[in-house]
Amino acid sequence: MGKEKTKAEKLAALKHPEIEKTMDEFRAWCVAERGRQTEVAELLGVKRASVNGWLKRTSNPAVRMFFEIRDFLKTQRERKK
């Protein structure tokens, strides 16, 4: 069996420009909307603590959740038009 990755190594592995851009946009949306973490968590079907971890950059969403966040942001952008 291979060596298990540390939490820092797992987070570093997820550093991709598109992921960073999307998560930066997500953080900006949450700040602009007065940190509606509970509302966003309910919409995404996750715990508020998960959203809080993503915003603080102490954790990253799972791949499926990343796409959910991206779709959520797309919907928010379309609402503003």
PDB file of N, CA and C in Angstrom:
ATOM      1  N   MET A   1       0.835  -1.182   0.000  1.00  0.00           N
ATOM      2  CA  MET A   1       0.000   0.000   0.000  1.00  0.00           C
ATOM      3  C   MET A   1       0.879   1.244   0.000  1.00  0.00           C
ATOM      4  N   GLY A   2       0.392   2.301  -0.663  1.00  0.00           N
ATOM      5  CA  GLY A   2       1.128   3.550  -0.722  1.00  0.00           C
ATOM      6  C   GLY A   2       0.946   4.375   0.532  1.00  0.00           C
ATOM      7  N   LYS A   3       1.800   5.338   0.654  1.00  0.00           N
ATOM      8  CA  LYS A   3       1.738   6.247   1.796  1.00  0.00           C
ATOM      9  C   LYS A   3       0.470   7.108   1.692  1.00  0.00           C
ATOM     10  N   GLU A   4      -0.259   7.221   2.791  1.00  0.00           N
ATOM     11  CA  GLU A   4      -1.460   8.045   2.793  1.00  0.00           C
ATOM     12  C   GLU A   4      -1.078   9.514   2.770  1.00  0.00           C
ATOM     13  N   LYS A   5      -1.793  10.281   1.968  1.00  0.00           N
ATOM     14  CA  LYS A   5      -1.501  11.704   1.848  1.00  0.00           C
ATOM     15  C   LYS A   5      -1.992  12.463   3.074  1.00  0.00           C
ATOM     16  N   THR A   6      -1.236  13.502   3.421  1.00  0.00           N
ATOM     17  CA  THR A   6      -1.657  14.372   4.513  1.00  0.00           C
ATOM     18  C   THR A   6      -2.751  15.306   4.005  1.00  0.00           C
ATOM     19  N   LYS A   7      -3.430  15.959   4.921  1.00  0.00           N
ATOM     20  CA  LYS A   7      -4.486  16.895   4.541  1.00  0.00           C
ATOM     21  C   LYS A   7      -3.914  18.014   3.658  1.00  0.00           C
ATOM     22  N   ALA A   8      -2.737  18.511   4.002  1.00  0.00           N
ATOM     23  CA  ALA A   8      -2.108  19.576   3.214  1.00  0.00           C
ATOM     24  C   ALA A   8      -1.799  19.098   1.801  1.00  0.00           C
ATOM     25  N   GLU A   9      -1.350  17.860   1.665  1.00  0.00           N
ATOM     26  CA  GLU A   9      -1.048  17.319   0.339  1.00  0.00           C
ATOM     27  C   GLU A   9      -2.325  17.163  -0.488  1.00  0.00           C
ATOM     28  N   LYS A  10      -3.406  16.736   0.162  1.00  0.00           N
ATOM     29  CA  LYS A  10      -4.679  16.606  -0.539  1.00  0.00           C
ATOM     30  C   LYS A  10      -5.175  17.962  -1.029  1.00  0.00           C
ATOM     31  N   LEU A  11      -5.053  18.980  -0.176  1.00  0.00           N
ATOM     32  CA  LEU A  11      -5.487  20.321  -0.568  1.00  0.00           C
ATOM     33  C   LEU A  11      -4.626  20.870  -1.699  1.00  0.00           C
ATOM     34  N   ALA A  12      -3.337  20.643  -1.618  1.00  0.00           N
ATOM     35  CA  ALA A  12      -2.427  21.130  -2.664  1.00  0.00           C
ATOM     36  C   ALA A  12      -2.724  20.461  -3.998  1.00  0.00           C
ATOM     37  N   ALA A  13      -3.133  19.214  -3.964  1.00  0.00           N
ATOM     38  CA  ALA A  13      -3.433  18.489  -5.197  1.00  0.00           C
ATOM     39  C   ALA A  13      -4.641  19.077  -5.915  1.00  0.00           C
ATOM     40  N   LEU A  14      -5.476  19.787  -5.193  1.00  0.00           N
ATOM     41  CA  LEU A  14      -6.674  20.369  -5.786  1.00  0.00           C
ATOM     42  C   LEU A  14      -6.468  21.801  -6.270  1.00  0.00           C
ATOM     43  N   LYS A  15      -5.231  22.262  -6.285  1.00  0.00           N
ATOM     44  CA  LYS A  15      -4.940  23.625  -6.738  1.00  0.00           C
ATOM     45  C   LYS A  15      -4.903  23.637  -8.263  1.00  0.00           C
ATOM     46  N   HIS A  16      -6.012  23.938  -8.847  1.00  0.00           N
ATOM     47  CA  HIS A  16      -6.134  24.029 -10.292  1.00  0.00           C
ATOM     48  C   HIS A  16      -6.723  25.405 -10.580  1.00  0.00           C
ATOM     49  N   PRO A  17      -6.264  26.072 -11.634  1.00  0.00           N
ATOM     50  CA  PRO A  17      -6.747  27.435 -11.897  1.00  0.00           C
ATOM     51  C   PRO A  17      -8.272  27.555 -11.958  1.00  0.00           C
ATOM     52  N   GLU A  18      -8.945  26.608 -12.591  1.00  0.00           N
ATOM     53  CA  GLU A  18     -10.401  26.710 -12.682  1.00  0.00           C
ATOM     54  C   GLU A  18     -11.064  26.513 -11.318  1.00  0.00           C
ATOM     55  N   ILE A  19     -10.517  25.602 -10.527  1.00  0.00           N
ATOM     56  CA  ILE A  19     -11.052  25.389  -9.182  1.00  0.00           C
ATOM     57  C   ILE A  19     -10.842  26.648  -8.351  1.00  0.00           C
ATOM     58  N   GLU A  20      -9.636  27.198  -8.411  1.00  0.00           N
ATOM     59  CA  GLU A  20      -9.343  28.417  -7.648  1.00  0.00           C
ATOM     60  C   GLU A  20     -10.252  29.563  -8.071  1.00  0.00           C
ATOM     61  N   LYS A  21     -10.443  29.739  -9.372  1.00  0.00           N
ATOM     62  CA  LYS A  21     -11.289  30.823  -9.882  1.00  0.00           C
ATOM     63  C   LYS A  21     -12.730  30.663  -9.397  1.00  0.00           C
ATOM     64  N   THR A  22     -13.252  29.440  -9.497  1.00  0.00           N
ATOM     65  CA  THR A  22     -14.626  29.180  -9.065  1.00  0.00           C
ATOM     66  C   THR A  22     -14.787  29.399  -7.568  1.00  0.00           C
ATOM     67  N   MET A  23     -13.844  28.885  -6.791  1.00  0.00           N
ATOM     68  CA  MET A  23     -13.955  29.032  -5.341  1.00  0.00           C
ATOM     69  C   MET A  23     -13.766  30.490  -4.918  1.00  0.00           C
ATOM     70  N   ASP A  24     -12.913  31.234  -5.615  1.00  0.00           N
ATOM     71  CA  ASP A  24     -12.781  32.667  -5.331  1.00  0.00           C
ATOM     72  C   ASP A  24     -14.096  33.393  -5.610  1.00  0.00           C
ATOM     73  N   GLU A  25     -14.746  33.031  -6.723  1.00  0.00           N
ATOM     74  CA  GLU A  25     -16.037  33.629  -7.054  1.00  0.00           C
ATOM     75  C   GLU A  25     -17.087  33.251  -6.000  1.00  0.00           C
ATOM     76  N   PHE A  26     -17.052  32.010  -5.540  1.00  0.00           N
ATOM     77  CA  PHE A  26     -17.984  31.552  -4.505  1.00  0.00           C
ATOM     78  C   PHE A  26     -17.772  32.327  -3.212  1.00  0.00           C
ATOM     79  N   ARG A  27     -16.514  32.507  -2.825  1.00  0.00           N
ATOM     80  CA  ARG A  27     -16.216  33.274  -1.613  1.00  0.00           C
ATOM     81  C   ARG A  27     -16.696  34.713  -1.763  1.00  0.00           C
ATOM     82  N   ALA A  28     -16.443  35.309  -2.921  1.00  0.00           N
ATOM     83  CA  ALA A  28     -16.867  36.693  -3.169  1.00  0.00           C
ATOM     84  C   ALA A  28     -18.388  36.812  -3.113  1.00  0.00           C
ATOM     85  N   TRP A  29     -19.100  35.826  -3.672  1.00  0.00           N
ATOM     86  CA  TRP A  29     -20.556  35.851  -3.632  1.00  0.00           C
ATOM     87  C   TRP A  29     -21.044  35.792  -2.195  1.00  0.00           C
ATOM     88  N   CYS A  30     -20.468  34.896  -1.418  1.00  0.00           N
ATOM     89  CA  CYS A  30     -20.886  34.764  -0.018  1.00  0.00           C
ATOM     90  C   CYS A  30     -20.628  36.043   0.766  1.00  0.00           C
ATOM     91  N   VAL A  31     -19.507  36.693   0.522  1.00  0.00           N
ATOM     92  CA  VAL A  31     -19.196  37.951   1.206  1.00  0.00           C
ATOM     93  C   VAL A  31     -20.170  39.043   0.755  1.00  0.00           C
ATOM     94  N   ALA A  32     -20.392  39.143  -0.543  1.00  0.00           N
ATOM     95  CA  ALA A  32     -21.295  40.170  -1.072  1.00  0.00           C
ATOM     96  C   ALA A  32     -22.727  39.954  -0.593  1.00  0.00           C
ATOM     97  N   GLU A  33     -23.101  38.726  -0.390  1.00  0.00           N
ATOM     98  CA  GLU A  33     -24.452  38.403   0.074  1.00  0.00           C
ATOM     99  C   GLU A  33     -24.490  38.260   1.594  1.00  0.00           C
ATOM    100  N   ARG A  34     -23.566  38.909   2.252  1.00  0.00           N
ATOM    101  CA  ARG A  34     -23.491  38.934   3.715  1.00  0.00           C
ATOM    102  C   ARG A  34     -23.317  37.552   4.328  1.00  0.00           C
ATOM    103  N   GLY A  35     -22.499  36.747   3.694  1.00  0.00           N
ATOM    104  CA  GLY A  35     -22.120  35.462   4.266  1.00  0.00           C
ATOM    105  C   GLY A  35     -23.243  34.474   4.484  1.00  0.00           C
ATOM    106  N   ARG A  36     -24.145  34.352   3.573  1.00  0.00           N
ATOM    107  CA  ARG A  36     -25.298  33.464   3.717  1.00  0.00           C
ATOM    108  C   ARG A  36     -24.905  31.994   3.670  1.00  0.00           C
ATOM    109  N   GLN A  37     -24.050  31.584   4.557  1.00  0.00           N
ATOM    110  CA  GLN A  37     -23.544  30.218   4.544  1.00  0.00           C
ATOM    111  C   GLN A  37     -24.626  29.182   4.799  1.00  0.00           C
ATOM    112  N   THR A  38     -25.528  29.465   5.694  1.00  0.00           N
ATOM    113  CA  THR A  38     -26.589  28.506   6.003  1.00  0.00           C
ATOM    114  C   THR A  38     -27.499  28.311   4.797  1.00  0.00           C
ATOM    115  N   GLU A  39     -27.864  29.411   4.155  1.00  0.00           N
ATOM    116  CA  GLU A  39     -28.730  29.327   2.975  1.00  0.00           C
ATOM    117  C   GLU A  39     -28.049  28.555   1.848  1.00  0.00           C
ATOM    118  N   VAL A  40     -26.794  28.859   1.601  1.00  0.00           N
ATOM    119  CA  VAL A  40     -26.044  28.171   0.548  1.00  0.00           C
ATOM    120  C   VAL A  40     -25.905  26.688   0.885  1.00  0.00           C
ATOM    121  N   ALA A  41     -25.623  26.386   2.134  1.00  0.00           N
ATOM    122  CA  ALA A  41     -25.487  24.992   2.555  1.00  0.00           C
ATOM    123  C   ALA A  41     -26.783  24.222   2.298  1.00  0.00           C
ATOM    124  N   GLU A  42     -27.903  24.831   2.621  1.00  0.00           N
ATOM    125  CA  GLU A  42     -29.194  24.173   2.387  1.00  0.00           C
ATOM    126  C   GLU A  42     -29.438  23.955   0.901  1.00  0.00           C
ATOM    127  N   LEU A  43     -29.138  24.952   0.090  1.00  0.00           N
ATOM    128  CA  LEU A  43     -29.315  24.828  -1.354  1.00  0.00           C
ATOM    129  C   LEU A  43     -28.449  23.723  -1.946  1.00  0.00           C
ATOM    130  N   LEU A  44     -27.240  23.581  -1.411  1.00  0.00           N
ATOM    131  CA  LEU A  44     -26.302  22.580  -1.928  1.00  0.00           C
ATOM    132  C   LEU A  44     -26.461  21.218  -1.252  1.00  0.00           C
ATOM    133  N   GLY A  45     -27.236  21.169  -0.185  1.00  0.00           N
ATOM    134  CA  GLY A  45     -27.455  19.911   0.519  1.00  0.00           C
ATOM    135  C   GLY A  45     -26.266  19.456   1.350  1.00  0.00           C
ATOM    136  N   VAL A  46     -25.549  20.431   1.919  1.00  0.00           N
ATOM    137  CA  VAL A  46     -24.403  20.118   2.776  1.00  0.00           C
ATOM    138  C   VAL A  46     -24.562  20.845   4.106  1.00  0.00           C
ATOM    139  N   LYS A  47     -23.702  20.530   5.037  1.00  0.00           N
ATOM    140  CA  LYS A  47     -23.722  21.214   6.325  1.00  0.00           C
ATOM    141  C   LYS A  47     -23.065  22.587   6.202  1.00  0.00           C
ATOM    142  N   ARG A  48     -23.517  23.499   7.034  1.00  0.00           N
ATOM    143  CA  ARG A  48     -22.945  24.847   7.058  1.00  0.00           C
ATOM    144  C   ARG A  48     -21.446  24.797   7.331  1.00  0.00           C
ATOM    145  N   ALA A  49     -21.024  23.854   8.158  1.00  0.00           N
ATOM    146  CA  ALA A  49     -19.596  23.716   8.479  1.00  0.00           C
ATOM    147  C   ALA A  49     -18.769  23.407   7.233  1.00  0.00           C
ATOM    148  N   SER A  50     -19.347  22.671   6.291  1.00  0.00           N
ATOM    149  CA  SER A  50     -18.634  22.385   5.041  1.00  0.00           C
ATOM    150  C   SER A  50     -18.404  23.670   4.256  1.00  0.00           C
ATOM    151  N   VAL A  51     -19.460  24.466   4.124  1.00  0.00           N
ATOM    152  CA  VAL A  51     -19.340  25.738   3.408  1.00  0.00           C
ATOM    153  C   VAL A  51     -18.319  26.623   4.113  1.00  0.00           C
ATOM    154  N   ASN A  52     -18.371  26.660   5.424  1.00  0.00           N
ATOM    155  CA  ASN A  52     -17.432  27.461   6.194  1.00  0.00           C
ATOM    156  C   ASN A  52     -15.991  27.022   5.937  1.00  0.00           C
ATOM    157  N   GLY A  53     -15.748  25.737   5.879  1.00  0.00           N
ATOM    158  CA  GLY A  53     -14.402  25.223   5.591  1.00  0.00           C
ATOM    159  C   GLY A  53     -13.927  25.620   4.206  1.00  0.00           C
ATOM    160  N   TRP A  54     -14.836  25.587   3.225  1.00  0.00           N
ATOM    161  CA  TRP A  54     -14.453  25.985   1.867  1.00  0.00           C
ATOM    162  C   TRP A  54     -14.098  27.460   1.822  1.00  0.00           C
ATOM    163  N   LEU A  55     -14.882  28.268   2.542  1.00  0.00           N
ATOM    164  CA  LEU A  55     -14.646  29.713   2.536  1.00  0.00           C
ATOM    165  C   LEU A  55     -13.357  30.078   3.260  1.00  0.00           C
ATOM    166  N   LYS A  56     -13.028  29.344   4.300  1.00  0.00           N
ATOM    167  CA  LYS A  56     -11.798  29.593   5.050  1.00  0.00           C
ATOM    168  C   LYS A  56     -10.579  28.941   4.400  1.00  0.00           C
ATOM    169  N   ARG A  57     -10.826  28.151   3.357  1.00  0.00           N
ATOM    170  CA  ARG A  57      -9.774  27.423   2.646  1.00  0.00           C
ATOM    171  C   ARG A  57      -9.103  26.351   3.489  1.00  0.00           C
ATOM    172  N   THR A  58      -9.841  25.814   4.444  1.00  0.00           N
ATOM    173  CA  THR A  58      -9.296  24.716   5.244  1.00  0.00           C
ATOM    174  C   THR A  58      -9.703  23.373   4.660  1.00  0.00           C
ATOM    175  N   SER A  59     -10.647  23.409   3.717  1.00  0.00           N
ATOM    176  CA  SER A  59     -11.056  22.190   3.014  1.00  0.00           C
ATOM    177  C   SER A  59     -11.548  22.580   1.628  1.00  0.00           C
ATOM    178  N   ASN A  60     -11.646  21.587   0.778  1.00  0.00           N
ATOM    179  CA  ASN A  60     -12.169  21.789  -0.570  1.00  0.00           C
ATOM    180  C   ASN A  60     -13.375  20.888  -0.771  1.00  0.00           C
ATOM    181  N   PRO A  61     -14.308  21.330  -1.604  1.00  0.00           N
ATOM    182  CA  PRO A  61     -15.468  20.481  -1.863  1.00  0.00           C
ATOM    183  C   PRO A  61     -15.070  19.256  -2.689  1.00  0.00           C
ATOM    184  N   ALA A  62     -15.864  18.216  -2.584  1.00  0.00           N
ATOM    185  CA  ALA A  62     -15.688  17.046  -3.433  1.00  0.00           C
ATOM    186  C   ALA A  62     -15.933  17.470  -4.881  1.00  0.00           C
ATOM    187  N   VAL A  63     -15.472  16.677  -5.801  1.00  0.00           N
ATOM    188  CA  VAL A  63     -15.601  17.019  -7.225  1.00  0.00           C
ATOM    189  C   VAL A  63     -17.059  17.270  -7.598  1.00  0.00           C
ATOM    190  N   ARG A  64     -17.944  16.385  -7.191  1.00  0.00           N
ATOM    191  CA  ARG A  64     -19.365  16.560  -7.499  1.00  0.00           C
ATOM    192  C   ARG A  64     -19.877  17.887  -6.947  1.00  0.00           C
ATOM    193  N   MET A  65     -19.464  18.222  -5.733  1.00  0.00           N
ATOM    194  CA  MET A  65     -19.909  19.458  -5.107  1.00  0.00           C
ATOM    195  C   MET A  65     -19.322  20.673  -5.805  1.00  0.00           C
ATOM    196  N   PHE A  66     -18.083  20.547  -6.302  1.00  0.00           N
ATOM    197  CA  PHE A  66     -17.486  21.645  -7.065  1.00  0.00           C
ATOM    198  C   PHE A  66     -18.390  22.006  -8.245  1.00  0.00           C
ATOM    199  N   PHE A  67     -18.880  20.997  -8.954  1.00  0.00           N
ATOM    200  CA  PHE A  67     -19.756  21.254 -10.095  1.00  0.00           C
ATOM    201  C   PHE A  67     -21.094  21.838  -9.650  1.00  0.00           C
ATOM    202  N   GLU A  68     -21.578  21.421  -8.497  1.00  0.00           N
ATOM    203  CA  GLU A  68     -22.805  22.004  -7.937  1.00  0.00           C
ATOM    204  C   GLU A  68     -22.593  23.495  -7.643  1.00  0.00           C
ATOM    205  N   ILE A  69     -21.456  23.826  -7.069  1.00  0.00           N
ATOM    206  CA  ILE A  69     -21.132  25.224  -6.759  1.00  0.00           C
ATOM    207  C   ILE A  69     -21.027  26.028  -8.056  1.00  0.00           C
ATOM    208  N   ARG A  70     -20.372  25.459  -9.040  1.00  0.00           N
ATOM    209  CA  ARG A  70     -20.223  26.146 -10.329  1.00  0.00           C
ATOM    210  C   ARG A  70     -21.589  26.413 -10.948  1.00  0.00           C
ATOM    211  N   ASP A  71     -22.494  25.432 -10.891  1.00  0.00           N
ATOM    212  CA  ASP A  71     -23.845  25.627 -11.422  1.00  0.00           C
ATOM    213  C   ASP A  71     -24.612  26.670 -10.610  1.00  0.00           C
ATOM    214  N   PHE A  72     -24.442  26.648  -9.300  1.00  0.00           N
ATOM    215  CA  PHE A  72     -25.080  27.633  -8.431  1.00  0.00           C
ATOM    216  C   PHE A  72     -24.641  29.049  -8.809  1.00  0.00           C
ATOM    217  N   LEU A  73     -23.338  29.227  -9.013  1.00  0.00           N
ATOM    218  CA  LEU A  73     -22.818  30.548  -9.373  1.00  0.00           C
ATOM    219  C   LEU A  73     -23.328  30.993 -10.744  1.00  0.00           C
ATOM    220  N   LYS A  74     -23.444  30.062 -11.668  1.00  0.00           N
ATOM    221  CA  LYS A  74     -23.968  30.385 -12.997  1.00  0.00           C
ATOM    222  C   LYS A  74     -25.404  30.898 -12.867  1.00  0.00           C
ATOM    223  N   THR A  75     -26.201  30.221 -12.049  1.00  0.00           N
ATOM    224  CA  THR A  75     -27.581  30.651 -11.810  1.00  0.00           C
ATOM    225  C   THR A  75     -27.620  32.050 -11.206  1.00  0.00           C
ATOM    226  N   GLN A  76     -26.712  32.319 -10.257  1.00  0.00           N
ATOM    227  CA  GLN A  76     -26.680  33.633  -9.617  1.00  0.00           C
ATOM    228  C   GLN A  76     -26.299  34.728 -10.622  1.00  0.00           C
ATOM    229  N   ARG A  77     -25.350  34.426 -11.502  1.00  0.00           N
ATOM    230  CA  ARG A  77     -24.945  35.405 -12.532  1.00  0.00           C
ATOM    231  C   ARG A  77     -26.103  35.695 -13.467  1.00  0.00           C
ATOM    232  N   GLU A  78     -26.848  34.657 -13.852  1.00  0.00           N
ATOM    233  CA  GLU A  78     -27.985  34.839 -14.766  1.00  0.00           C
ATOM    234  C   GLU A  78     -29.103  35.643 -14.125  1.00  0.00           C
ATOM    235  N   ARG A  79     -29.263  35.514 -12.816  1.00  0.00           N
ATOM    236  CA  ARG A  79     -30.287  36.286 -12.098  1.00  0.00           C
ATOM    237  C   ARG A  79     -30.005  37.773 -12.142  1.00  0.00           C
ATOM    238  N   LYS A  80     -28.713  38.125 -12.155  1.00  0.00           N
ATOM    239  CA  LYS A  80     -28.337  39.541 -12.128  1.00  0.00           C
ATOM    240  C   LYS A  80     -28.552  40.226 -13.469  1.00  0.00           C
ATOM    241  N   LYS A  81     -28.671  39.454 -14.531  1.00  0.00           N
ATOM    242  CA  LYS A  81     -28.829  40.037 -15.883  1.00  0.00           C
ATOM    243  C   LYS A  81     -30.168  40.683 -16.052  1.00  0.00           C
TER     244      LYS A  81
END
